[in-house]
């Protein structure tokens, strides 16, 4: 496994990361979740609010190994 994309995010953090793909007006993300994603460099603050970063998109596409276990 590539350690660059291996994140142990909570289910809420995964949901928040997925929600960042939506237009700003449609999001309902708690500040503490976005703060943790920003700290991990998976999201960034802009003038319009929080946006998903390229690193965040890569992590989201790769998914969570914990979620893979649930799907199996």
Protein backbone atom coordinates (compact mmCIF):
# COMPACT_ATOMS: atom_id res chain seq x y z
CA UNK A 1 0.00 0.00 0.00
CA UNK A 2 1.17 3.50 -0.75
CA UNK A 3 1.57 5.32 2.58
CA UNK A 4 0.92 8.64 0.86
CA UNK A 5 -2.76 7.75 0.48
CA UNK A 6 -3.20 5.61 3.60
CA UNK A 7 -5.34 7.70 5.97
CA UNK A 8 -7.24 6.47 8.99
CA UNK A 9 -10.20 8.84 8.72
CA UNK A 10 -13.39 8.46 10.73
CA UNK A 11 -16.65 7.80 8.91
CA UNK A 12 -17.64 11.44 9.57
CA UNK A 13 -14.38 12.68 8.05
CA UNK A 14 -14.97 10.53 4.93
CA UNK A 15 -18.49 11.95 4.63
CA UNK A 16 -17.15 15.51 5.03
CA UNK A 17 -14.49 14.86 2.39
CA UNK A 18 -17.15 13.56 0.01
CA UNK A 19 -19.36 16.57 0.76
CA UNK A 20 -16.59 18.95 -0.30
CA UNK A 21 -17.26 17.85 -3.87
CA UNK A 22 -20.68 19.56 -3.72
CA UNK A 23 -21.24 23.25 -4.50
CA UNK A 24 -20.72 25.45 -1.42
CA UNK A 25 -24.43 26.25 -1.01
CA UNK A 26 -25.33 22.54 -0.76
CA UNK A 27 -22.77 21.60 1.92
CA UNK A 28 -23.51 20.94 5.57
CA UNK A 29 -20.14 20.16 7.10
CA UNK A 30 -19.18 20.77 10.70
CA UNK A 31 -16.23 23.11 11.26
CA UNK A 32 -14.31 20.59 13.36
CA UNK A 33 -14.40 18.08 10.51
CA UNK A 34 -13.16 20.56 7.94
CA UNK A 35 -10.44 21.70 10.35
CA UNK A 36 -9.16 18.14 10.63
CA UNK A 37 -9.23 17.71 6.85
CA UNK A 38 -7.33 20.99 6.42
CA UNK A 39 -4.73 19.80 8.94
CA UNK A 40 -4.24 16.65 6.84
CA UNK A 41 -4.00 18.83 3.68
CA UNK A 42 -7.05 17.08 2.21
CA UNK A 43 -8.98 20.37 2.14
CA UNK A 44 -8.05 24.05 1.99
CA UNK A 45 -9.69 27.36 2.86
CA UNK A 46 -10.42 29.81 0.05
CA UNK A 47 -12.35 33.03 -0.10
CA UNK A 48 -15.50 31.05 -0.93
CA UNK A 49 -15.05 28.51 1.88
CA UNK A 50 -13.48 25.09 2.16
CA UNK A 51 -12.51 23.18 -0.99
CA UNK A 52 -11.13 19.71 -1.56
CA UNK A 53 -7.45 19.61 -2.59
CA UNK A 54 -5.84 17.41 -5.23
CA UNK A 55 -4.47 15.28 -2.40
CA UNK A 56 -7.97 15.04 -0.94
CA UNK A 57 -9.38 13.92 -4.29
CA UNK A 58 -6.72 11.21 -4.56
CA UNK A 59 -7.48 9.96 -1.05
CA UNK A 60 -11.21 10.01 -1.75
CA UNK A 61 -10.79 8.05 -4.98
CA UNK A 62 -8.59 5.48 -3.28
CA UNK A 63 -11.05 5.14 -0.41
CA UNK A 64 -10.66 3.80 3.08
CA UNK A 65 -9.27 0.32 3.73
CA UNK A 66 -11.78 0.12 6.61
CA UNK A 67 -14.61 0.74 4.14
CA UNK A 68 -13.20 -1.92 1.80
CA UNK A 69 -13.59 -4.45 4.61
CA UNK A 70 -17.27 -3.50 5.01
CA UNK A 71 -17.90 -3.95 1.29
CA UNK A 72 -16.23 -7.37 1.13
